[in-house]
C-alpha cells in the first residue's frame, strides 16, 4: 500500500536545505479519485510588449475553424489548448493623461486609473503607482494562502534598465504596492528552494562544493520514493531530473547585481553581461543572454507550479516600451523604435512577436509534459498572454491581442478564436475571478462593470 503524504511535504537534508515535493497522487485524500479536479487550479501571466502587426497577428476563419496567423504559427501544436481573444479595449487607460506606455502597463492587469505626481521624460511618471490590485494579486490573495509563495513574479531584463518605474511593473497588491519581478534565475531558485539557508553566500558555497540540492536530501528522497506507487514514482523521478537540470544551469551562472552574468555553456556560446549602453538615444543598461535567461525563468515558472510552491506565477519579458534588441533572431534594431517605424520595420516586428509565440509554445509544451490526475499541469491552469498595446506606432490600447491557454480544470473551453466588439478588458479580468470561484461582477473601475460572455463554460 502506497504511503499517504502531507500536501506540503518537504525533504530536509544536510545544510538545512528544504526541497518541496511535486503534486503527487499520494497527497490526495484517500477517498478522492486521481482526477484533474483534485489538483490545484493555477493562474499564470506571460507578458510581451510594444503591440503587434495586426495583419500578421490576427487569425482568419471563425471561432472553431480559425487558421493561425504568421505571428501565432508557433502555437499550432497547441491549437486545441488555446483561445485567441481579440476586440477588447483597455478603456480605463483613456480616462487620464500620461505617458501611453505608463498608462498601458498600469491598466493592463488592474483596469484602474494609475496615481502619479511627478512627471519626467516624455511624460513618464517618476513616482507613479497603479490605483488598485492587479488581477494576479487579487487571485493570489484568495488562492495563494496554501502555498509557500502567495505569488511569484519573474522577469527577463525587466529591472535591468534605466526606464521609469511604471513600465517595469505590471503586478500590484494595491496602490504603492508594486511586485517587482526577479530578473535573476538564481535568486528565483533560492526563493523557491533555499528557504532554510541564511544567505545567498551559503548557497554559492554549496554550489562551489559541487553538492546538489537533491544530493543533500538523497537519503530521505529515496525513502519517500520507495513508499510511493508507480505513477507517483514517475512524477518524483521527473521532478528530480528537472531540479538537477536547473541546478546544472545555475552552477555555471553568476549574475551578481550590477556586474553581469554568465549563462550555461549548454546555451548558445555568447558572453552574458549587464553593461552600459544607449537605447532610444539615452544611456541605460543592457543585457546579453536574453533568451537563455528567459528559458531558465520559464523552467522555474513551470517547476514552481508543478511543486505547488505557488499557484500564481507571472513572467515579464522586458518592460512596456521595451528597448530590447532581439539579436537572437538576427535583429539589430531596438524593439520600441521598430514599433514607431512602420511600415519599414513591420516584418521585423512580426519576427519579434513570432519569437515570443515560440516562447509561449515552449511554456505550454513543458506544462503538458507534467501529468496530473486525468490531465496535465496545463489542464489545471489558466495562462494569460497579454500585450500592453495593440499597435505600438500609435500607442493604441484598443483591439488588444490576447491569448489564453489551459482549460482551468474544464472551466474554459479551448481551441477557439473569440472576437469581441470593443468590450472593456475589465470584463475579462472579472471573468478570471469567477473562473477561480471568486464571485465578481466587476474588476477595476466601477464604470466598466460586468463579465465577458464566451470565455468560461
Protein backbone atom coordinates (compact mmCIF):
# COMPACT_ATOMS: atom_id res chain seq x y z
CA UNK A 1 0.00 0.00 0.00
CA UNK A 2 1.44 3.36 -1.03
CA UNK A 3 2.24 5.99 1.55
CA UNK A 4 -0.07 8.95 2.28
CA UNK A 5 1.88 12.24 2.12
CA UNK A 6 1.10 15.64 3.56
CA UNK A 7 0.07 18.26 0.99
CA UNK A 8 3.15 20.45 1.55
CA UNK A 9 5.72 17.72 2.15
CA UNK A 10 9.35 18.81 2.22
CA UNK A 11 12.51 16.76 2.03
CA UNK A 12 15.04 18.09 4.53
CA UNK A 13 18.68 17.13 4.31
CA UNK A 14 22.17 18.31 5.00
CA UNK A 15 22.94 22.01 5.46
CA UNK A 16 19.31 22.63 6.38
CA UNK A 17 18.13 22.54 2.77
CA UNK A 18 14.42 22.01 2.16
CA UNK A 19 13.08 20.77 -1.18
CA UNK A 20 9.35 20.69 -1.87
CA UNK A 21 7.82 17.62 -3.46
CA UNK A 22 5.75 17.93 -6.63
CA UNK A 23 1.99 17.42 -6.52
CA UNK A 24 1.54 13.65 -6.12
CA UNK A 25 -1.50 11.38 -6.10
CA UNK A 26 -0.35 10.25 -2.64
CA UNK A 27 -1.20 13.74 -1.37
CA UNK A 28 -4.86 13.37 -2.30
CA UNK A 29 -7.42 12.30 0.32
CA UNK A 30 -7.91 8.54 0.46
CA UNK A 31 -11.45 8.84 -0.82
CA UNK A 32 -10.52 11.06 -3.74
CA UNK A 33 -10.00 9.79 -7.25
CA UNK A 34 -6.88 10.82 -9.12
CA UNK A 35 -8.54 13.27 -11.47
CA UNK A 36 -7.65 16.74 -12.68
CA UNK A 37 -10.24 18.45 -10.48
CA UNK A 38 -8.38 17.26 -7.36
CA UNK A 39 -5.23 19.16 -8.34
CA UNK A 40 -4.85 22.84 -7.51
CA UNK A 41 -6.07 25.41 -10.00
CA UNK A 42 -3.38 27.88 -11.04
CA UNK A 43 -3.07 31.21 -12.83
CA UNK A 44 -0.13 32.42 -14.90
CA UNK A 45 0.77 35.50 -16.92
CA UNK A 46 3.35 35.88 -19.68
CA UNK A 47 3.81 39.46 -20.86
CA UNK A 48 5.44 40.83 -24.01
CA UNK A 49 5.47 44.44 -25.19
CA UNK A 50 5.04 47.08 -27.89
CA UNK A 51 1.99 45.74 -29.73
CA UNK A 52 1.71 43.63 -32.87
CA UNK A 53 1.30 43.98 -36.61
CA UNK A 54 -2.42 43.37 -36.87
CA UNK A 55 -2.35 41.81 -40.35
CA UNK A 56 0.30 39.31 -39.23
CA UNK A 57 -1.24 38.53 -35.83
CA UNK A 58 -4.98 38.23 -36.49
CA UNK A 59 -6.17 34.69 -37.31
CA UNK A 60 -8.55 34.03 -40.17
CA UNK A 61 -11.72 31.97 -40.08
CA UNK A 62 -14.35 31.52 -37.43
CA UNK A 63 -14.49 30.58 -33.78
CA UNK A 64 -13.59 26.91 -34.20
CA UNK A 65 -12.28 26.70 -37.77
CA UNK A 66 -9.77 29.51 -37.38
CA UNK A 67 -6.38 29.47 -39.09
CA UNK A 68 -3.41 30.70 -37.11
CA UNK A 69 -1.64 33.79 -38.42
CA UNK A 70 2.05 34.16 -39.20
CA UNK A 71 2.90 35.55 -35.77
CA UNK A 72 0.94 32.85 -33.93
CA UNK A 73 2.01 29.92 -36.13
CA UNK A 74 4.33 28.50 -33.40
CA UNK A 75 1.21 27.76 -31.36
CA UNK A 76 -0.04 25.25 -33.94
CA UNK A 77 0.94 22.19 -31.82
CA UNK A 78 -1.18 23.64 -29.01
CA UNK A 79 -4.15 24.82 -31.08
CA UNK A 80 -6.54 22.69 -29.02
CA UNK A 81 -5.21 24.19 -25.76
CA UNK A 82 -5.57 27.89 -26.51
CA UNK A 83 -8.12 30.64 -27.03
CA UNK A 84 -7.20 33.66 -29.10
CA UNK A 85 -9.07 36.71 -27.83
CA UNK A 86 -9.38 39.89 -29.85
CA UNK A 87 -11.51 43.01 -29.76
CA UNK A 88 -11.16 44.05 -26.10
CA UNK A 89 -10.21 47.61 -25.17
CA UNK A 90 -8.32 49.00 -22.19
CA UNK A 91 -10.80 51.87 -22.00
CA UNK A 92 -9.76 52.76 -18.47
CA UNK A 93 -6.34 53.79 -19.78
CA UNK A 94 -8.00 56.61 -21.73
CA UNK A 95 -9.56 58.10 -18.61
CA UNK A 96 -6.44 60.05 -17.68
CA UNK A 97 -3.41 61.78 -19.14
CA UNK A 98 0.12 60.42 -19.03
CA UNK A 99 2.75 58.59 -20.99
CA UNK A 100 0.89 55.95 -23.01
CA UNK A 101 3.30 53.16 -22.04
CA UNK A 102 2.86 54.02 -18.35
CA UNK A 103 -0.91 54.04 -18.77
CA UNK A 104 -0.98 50.83 -20.78
CA UNK A 105 1.15 48.89 -18.28
CA UNK A 106 -0.60 50.26 -15.20
CA UNK A 107 -4.06 49.44 -16.55
CA UNK A 108 -3.27 46.13 -18.26
CA UNK A 109 -3.87 43.89 -15.23
CA UNK A 110 -5.67 46.36 -12.94
CA UNK A 111 -8.29 48.09 -15.09
CA UNK A 112 -7.92 51.07 -12.78
CA UNK A 113 -6.53 54.59 -13.03
CA UNK A 114 -2.90 54.99 -12.06
CA UNK A 115 -1.70 57.51 -9.48
CA UNK A 116 1.14 59.91 -10.28
CA UNK A 117 2.50 63.23 -9.07
CA UNK A 118 5.96 63.83 -10.55
CA UNK A 119 6.34 63.76 -14.32
CA UNK A 120 9.65 63.47 -16.18
CA UNK A 121 10.92 62.47 -19.63
CA UNK A 122 8.26 62.09 -22.31
CA UNK A 123 5.53 62.43 -19.72
CA UNK A 124 6.65 59.36 -17.79
CA UNK A 125 5.68 59.20 -14.14
CA UNK A 126 8.69 59.19 -11.83
CA UNK A 127 6.77 58.05 -8.74
CA UNK A 128 3.60 56.52 -10.09
CA UNK A 129 1.65 53.52 -8.87
CA UNK A 130 -1.32 51.54 -10.02
CA UNK A 131 -4.61 52.59 -8.49
CA UNK A 132 -5.55 49.11 -7.30
CA UNK A 133 -4.54 45.45 -7.29
CA UNK A 134 -3.65 43.60 -10.46
CA UNK A 135 -5.71 40.53 -11.31
CA UNK A 136 -2.88 38.13 -10.47
CA UNK A 137 -2.56 39.59 -6.97
CA UNK A 138 -6.31 39.64 -6.46
CA UNK A 139 -6.32 35.93 -7.26
CA UNK A 140 -3.24 35.27 -5.13
CA UNK A 141 -4.94 36.82 -2.13
CA UNK A 142 -7.59 34.11 -2.33
CA UNK A 143 -5.84 31.03 -3.77
CA UNK A 144 -2.27 31.65 -2.62
CA UNK A 145 -2.56 31.04 1.11
CA UNK A 146 -1.90 27.29 0.92
CA UNK A 147 1.46 27.56 -0.85
CA UNK A 148 4.92 28.62 0.21
CA UNK A 149 4.75 31.71 -2.01
CA UNK A 150 1.45 33.52 -2.41
CA UNK A 151 2.69 34.60 -5.83
CA UNK A 152 5.92 34.55 -7.79
CA UNK A 153 6.96 37.32 -10.17
CA UNK A 154 9.74 36.56 -12.67
CA UNK A 155 11.32 38.85 -15.22
CA UNK A 156 13.77 38.92 -18.09
CA UNK A 157 15.55 42.27 -18.21
CA UNK A 158 12.52 43.83 -16.53
CA UNK A 159 14.55 45.68 -13.90
CA UNK A 160 17.93 45.78 -15.64
CA UNK A 161 17.07 49.12 -17.21
CA UNK A 162 17.06 52.83 -16.52
CA UNK A 163 13.50 53.23 -17.73
CA UNK A 164 10.99 54.88 -15.45
CA UNK A 165 9.26 52.67 -12.87
CA UNK A 166 5.75 52.39 -14.30
CA UNK A 167 6.88 50.47 -17.39
CA UNK A 168 8.89 47.97 -15.33
CA UNK A 169 5.97 46.68 -13.23
CA UNK A 170 2.70 45.02 -14.09
CA UNK A 171 1.73 43.40 -10.76
CA UNK A 172 0.43 45.33 -7.76
CA UNK A 173 -1.02 44.32 -4.43
CA UNK A 174 -2.67 47.73 -4.46
CA UNK A 175 -1.62 51.40 -4.61
CA UNK A 176 2.05 51.87 -3.69
CA UNK A 177 2.49 48.10 -3.52
CA UNK A 178 4.31 47.01 -6.69
CA UNK A 179 5.53 43.43 -7.03
CA UNK A 180 8.94 43.79 -8.64
CA UNK A 181 9.94 40.81 -10.80
CA UNK A 182 13.09 38.82 -10.06
CA UNK A 183 15.32 39.01 -13.14
CA UNK A 184 17.91 36.55 -11.83
CA UNK A 185 17.03 32.84 -12.13
CA UNK A 186 19.46 32.06 -9.34
CA UNK A 187 17.54 34.33 -6.98
CA UNK A 188 14.31 32.69 -8.08
CA UNK A 189 15.75 29.27 -7.38
CA UNK A 190 16.91 30.43 -3.94
CA UNK A 191 13.45 31.76 -3.17
CA UNK A 192 11.84 28.51 -4.22
CA UNK A 193 14.21 26.00 -2.66
CA UNK A 194 16.70 27.74 -0.35
CA UNK A 195 14.22 28.64 2.36
CA UNK A 196 16.28 27.40 5.30
CA UNK A 197 19.64 28.86 4.27
CA UNK A 198 20.74 32.08 5.89
CA UNK A 199 22.15 33.80 2.84
CA UNK A 200 22.90 33.62 -0.86
CA UNK A 201 26.57 33.25 0.10
CA UNK A 202 25.83 29.89 1.71
CA UNK A 203 24.12 28.68 -1.44
CA UNK A 204 27.06 29.91 -3.53
CA UNK A 205 29.40 27.99 -1.23
CA UNK A 206 27.23 24.91 -1.59
CA UNK A 207 27.43 25.16 -5.37
CA UNK A 208 31.20 25.58 -5.23
CA UNK A 209 31.44 22.34 -3.24
CA UNK A 210 29.51 20.76 -6.10
CA UNK A 211 26.78 19.50 -3.84
CA UNK A 212 23.38 19.30 -5.48
CA UNK A 213 20.30 20.26 -3.52
CA UNK A 214 18.93 16.84 -4.32
CA UNK A 215 22.16 15.13 -3.28
CA UNK A 216 21.85 16.84 0.11
CA UNK A 217 18.46 15.21 0.66
CA UNK A 218 19.09 11.98 -1.24
CA UNK A 219 18.57 9.66 1.72
CA UNK A 220 15.08 10.90 2.52
CA UNK A 221 14.29 11.23 -1.18
CA UNK A 222 14.97 7.52 -1.66
CA UNK A 223 12.98 6.70 1.46
CA UNK A 224 9.91 8.57 0.20
CA UNK A 225 10.30 7.21 -3.31
CA UNK A 226 10.29 3.64 -2.03
CA UNK A 227 6.84 4.09 -0.46
CA UNK A 228 5.05 5.52 -3.48
CA UNK A 229 3.00 3.92 -6.20
CA UNK A 230 4.27 3.59 -9.75
CA UNK A 231 2.71 6.83 -11.11
CA UNK A 232 3.98 8.90 -8.19
CA UNK A 233 7.46 7.42 -8.55
CA UNK A 234 7.49 8.50 -12.17
CA UNK A 235 6.43 12.03 -11.21
CA UNK A 236 9.06 12.23 -8.47
CA UNK A 237 11.77 10.99 -10.81
CA UNK A 238 10.81 13.62 -13.40
CA UNK A 239 10.80 16.24 -10.65
CA UNK A 240 14.26 15.19 -9.52
CA UNK A 241 15.63 15.36 -13.04
CA UNK A 242 14.06 18.80 -13.57
CA UNK A 243 15.77 20.14 -10.44
CA UNK A 244 19.10 18.61 -11.45
CA UNK A 245 18.80 20.14 -14.91
CA UNK A 246 18.17 23.61 -13.49
CA UNK A 247 20.97 23.18 -10.97
CA UNK A 248 23.34 22.30 -13.80
CA UNK A 249 22.44 25.61 -15.40
CA UNK A 250 22.67 27.57 -12.16
CA UNK A 251 26.02 26.07 -11.18
CA UNK A 252 27.70 27.95 -14.01
CA UNK A 253 25.51 31.04 -13.85
CA UNK A 254 26.90 34.03 -11.97
CA UNK A 255 24.70 37.10 -12.05
CA UNK A 256 25.62 39.50 -9.22
CA UNK A 257 23.64 42.74 -9.24
CA UNK A 258 25.15 45.38 -11.48
CA UNK A 259 28.20 43.43 -12.58
CA UNK A 260 26.98 41.00 -15.19
CA UNK A 261 26.05 37.37 -15.60
CA UNK A 262 27.08 34.16 -17.29
CA UNK A 263 24.78 31.61 -18.87
CA UNK A 264 25.46 27.83 -19.02
CA UNK A 265 27.67 26.54 -21.80
CA UNK A 266 24.79 24.35 -22.99
CA UNK A 267 23.13 27.54 -24.19
CA UNK A 268 24.42 29.50 -27.24
CA UNK A 269 28.09 30.39 -26.86
CA UNK A 270 27.69 34.08 -26.06
CA UNK A 271 29.06 36.36 -23.36
CA UNK A 272 26.34 37.30 -20.90
CA UNK A 273 26.81 40.61 -19.12
CA UNK A 274 24.91 43.63 -17.85
CA UNK A 275 26.59 46.59 -19.47
CA UNK A 276 26.17 50.30 -20.08
CA UNK A 277 24.60 51.05 -23.44
CA UNK A 278 22.47 53.56 -25.33
CA UNK A 279 18.83 52.91 -26.14
CA UNK A 280 16.36 55.42 -27.59
CA UNK A 281 19.33 57.81 -27.70
CA UNK A 282 19.82 57.76 -23.93
CA UNK A 283 22.13 55.90 -21.54
CA UNK A 284 20.71 52.75 -19.98
CA UNK A 285 21.60 49.17 -19.04
CA UNK A 286 21.62 46.29 -21.48
CA UNK A 287 21.76 42.53 -21.05
CA UNK A 288 23.06 39.77 -23.24
CA UNK A 289 21.74 36.27 -22.88
CA UNK A 290 18.10 37.39 -23.08
CA UNK A 291 16.71 34.09 -24.48
CA UNK A 292 18.84 31.87 -22.23
CA UNK A 293 17.74 33.65 -19.09
CA UNK A 294 14.15 33.53 -20.34
CA UNK A 295 14.29 29.79 -20.80
CA UNK A 296 15.64 29.33 -17.27
CA UNK A 297 12.83 31.52 -15.94
CA UNK A 298 10.19 29.54 -17.83
CA UNK A 299 11.59 26.30 -16.47
CA UNK A 300 11.43 27.71 -12.94
CA UNK A 301 7.92 29.00 -13.57
CA UNK A 302 6.76 25.51 -14.52
CA UNK A 303 8.63 23.95 -11.61
CA UNK A 304 7.10 26.40 -9.12
CA UNK A 305 3.61 25.45 -10.25
CA UNK A 306 4.34 21.74 -10.53
CA UNK A 307 5.73 21.67 -6.97
CA UNK A 308 2.76 23.75 -5.76
CA UNK A 309 5.16 26.30 -4.35
CA UNK A 310 2.99 29.00 -5.90
CA UNK A 311 -0.33 28.91 -7.73
CA UNK A 312 0.01 32.41 -9.18
CA UNK A 313 3.13 32.97 -11.29
CA UNK A 314 3.97 35.67 -13.81
CA UNK A 315 6.77 36.18 -16.30
CA UNK A 316 7.51 39.67 -17.60
CA UNK A 317 9.64 39.70 -20.73
CA UNK A 318 11.43 43.06 -20.65
CA UNK A 319 9.22 46.10 -19.98
CA UNK A 320 6.50 48.15 -21.55
CA UNK A 321 8.30 50.39 -24.06
CA UNK A 322 10.79 47.54 -24.32
CA UNK A 323 14.12 48.70 -25.76
CA UNK A 324 15.45 45.15 -26.05
CA UNK A 325 17.43 44.32 -29.17
CA UNK A 326 16.44 40.82 -30.23
CA UNK A 327 19.80 39.85 -31.63
CA UNK A 328 18.98 36.16 -31.05
CA UNK A 329 16.83 36.32 -34.20
CA UNK A 330 19.15 38.49 -36.22
CA UNK A 331 17.67 41.90 -35.38
CA UNK A 332 19.85 44.90 -34.59
CA UNK A 333 17.06 47.45 -34.05
CA UNK A 334 15.51 48.31 -30.70
CA UNK A 335 12.07 46.83 -30.21
CA UNK A 336 10.49 50.13 -29.16
CA UNK A 337 11.96 52.16 -32.02
CA UNK A 338 10.87 49.49 -34.53
CA UNK A 339 7.29 49.82 -33.32
CA UNK A 340 7.38 53.51 -34.34
CA UNK A 341 8.95 52.93 -37.75
CA UNK A 342 6.18 51.27 -39.70
CA UNK A 343 5.82 50.04 -42.35
CA UNK A 344 9.61 49.90 -42.71
CA UNK A 345 10.04 47.67 -39.66
CA UNK A 346 6.76 45.75 -39.78
CA UNK A 347 8.39 42.48 -40.88
CA UNK A 348 10.89 42.74 -38.03
CA UNK A 349 8.12 43.46 -35.53
CA UNK A 350 6.30 40.35 -36.69
CA UNK A 351 9.53 38.41 -36.35
CA UNK A 352 9.79 39.52 -32.71
CA UNK A 353 6.17 38.63 -31.99
CA UNK A 354 6.63 35.24 -33.65
CA UNK A 355 9.61 34.64 -31.37
CA UNK A 356 7.51 35.43 -28.32
CA UNK A 357 4.88 32.99 -29.60
CA UNK A 358 7.66 30.39 -29.72
CA UNK A 359 8.42 31.09 -26.06
CA UNK A 360 4.76 30.75 -25.13
CA UNK A 361 4.65 27.49 -27.08
CA UNK A 362 7.68 26.22 -25.14
CA UNK A 363 5.97 27.10 -21.86
CA UNK A 364 2.83 25.19 -22.88
CA UNK A 365 4.84 22.19 -24.05
CA UNK A 366 6.69 21.97 -20.73
CA UNK A 367 3.46 22.19 -18.77
CA UNK A 368 1.86 19.49 -20.89
CA UNK A 369 4.73 17.13 -20.03
CA UNK A 370 3.65 17.05 -16.38
CA UNK A 371 0.73 14.68 -15.73
CA UNK A 372 -1.80 15.48 -13.02
CA UNK A 373 -4.69 13.13 -12.39
CA UNK A 374 -6.54 12.61 -15.67
CA UNK A 375 -4.82 15.55 -17.34
CA UNK A 376 -1.72 17.71 -17.23
CA UNK A 377 -0.40 20.72 -15.38
CA UNK A 378 -1.64 22.87 -18.26
CA UNK A 379 -5.14 21.43 -17.94
CA UNK A 380 -5.22 22.66 -14.35
CA UNK A 381 -4.01 26.15 -15.23
CA UNK A 382 -5.25 29.32 -16.89
CA UNK A 383 -2.44 31.20 -18.65
CA UNK A 384 -2.83 34.75 -19.93
CA UNK A 385 -0.51 36.25 -22.56
CA UNK A 386 -1.22 39.99 -22.81
CA UNK A 387 0.49 42.87 -24.56
CA UNK A 388 0.11 46.40 -23.19
CA UNK A 389 -0.60 47.76 -26.70
CA UNK A 390 -2.22 46.59 -29.89
CA UNK A 391 -0.45 48.98 -32.27
CA UNK A 392 2.81 50.37 -30.92
CA UNK A 393 3.19 53.10 -33.52
CA UNK A 394 0.16 54.99 -32.19
CA UNK A 395 0.16 53.52 -28.64
CA UNK A 396 -3.28 52.02 -29.26
CA UNK A 397 -4.87 50.23 -26.31
CA UNK A 398 -7.94 49.02 -28.20
CA UNK A 399 -8.44 45.72 -30.04
CA UNK A 400 -5.76 44.24 -27.80
CA UNK A 401 -4.03 40.97 -28.82
CA UNK A 402 -4.62 38.38 -26.09
CA UNK A 403 -4.00 34.64 -25.90
CA UNK A 404 -5.35 32.33 -23.20
CA UNK A 405 -4.12 28.79 -22.65
CA UNK A 406 -5.21 25.92 -20.44
CA UNK A 407 -8.64 24.56 -19.62
CA UNK A 408 -8.70 25.69 -15.97
CA UNK A 409 -9.98 22.26 -14.92
CA UNK A 410 -12.68 22.26 -17.58
CA UNK A 411 -13.98 25.73 -16.77
CA UNK A 412 -12.61 27.21 -20.01
CA UNK A 413 -13.35 25.51 -23.34
CA UNK A 414 -10.33 25.83 -25.62
CA UNK A 415 -9.47 25.67 -29.32
CA UNK A 416 -11.36 28.86 -30.17
CA UNK A 417 -10.90 32.28 -31.74
CA UNK A 418 -13.08 34.72 -29.83
CA UNK A 419 -13.82 38.12 -31.39
CA UNK A 420 -15.37 40.90 -29.36
CA UNK A 421 -16.66 44.32 -30.35
CA UNK A 422 -14.89 46.76 -28.09
CA UNK A 423 -15.83 45.37 -24.68
CA UNK A 424 -13.71 46.82 -21.86
CA UNK A 425 -10.95 44.47 -20.81
CA UNK A 426 -12.18 44.87 -17.21
CA UNK A 427 -14.83 42.29 -18.10
CA UNK A 428 -12.15 39.73 -18.91
CA UNK A 429 -10.39 40.39 -15.60
CA UNK A 430 -13.66 39.98 -13.71
CA UNK A 431 -14.27 36.75 -15.62
CA UNK A 432 -10.93 35.42 -14.38
CA UNK A 433 -12.11 35.89 -10.80
CA UNK A 434 -15.28 33.92 -11.46
CA UNK A 435 -13.33 31.10 -13.12
CA UNK A 436 -11.44 30.73 -9.85
CA UNK A 437 -14.64 30.59 -7.82
CA UNK A 438 -14.49 34.22 -6.67
CA UNK A 439 -17.92 35.79 -7.32
CA UNK A 440 -17.38 39.13 -9.04
CA UNK A 441 -19.49 41.44 -11.15
CA UNK A 442 -16.64 43.84 -11.91
CA UNK A 443 -12.91 44.42 -11.57
CA UNK A 444 -11.14 47.76 -11.57
CA UNK A 445 -13.03 50.93 -12.39
CA UNK A 446 -16.69 50.73 -11.38
CA UNK A 447 -17.83 52.45 -14.57
CA UNK A 448 -16.94 49.29 -16.55
CA UNK A 449 -18.83 46.50 -14.77
CA UNK A 450 -19.73 43.04 -15.95
CA UNK A 451 -18.08 39.83 -17.04
CA UNK A 452 -17.25 38.59 -20.52
CA UNK A 453 -19.50 36.07 -22.21
CA UNK A 454 -17.97 33.21 -24.14
CA UNK A 455 -14.79 32.69 -22.10
CA UNK A 456 -15.92 30.27 -19.41
CA UNK A 457 -18.32 27.36 -19.78
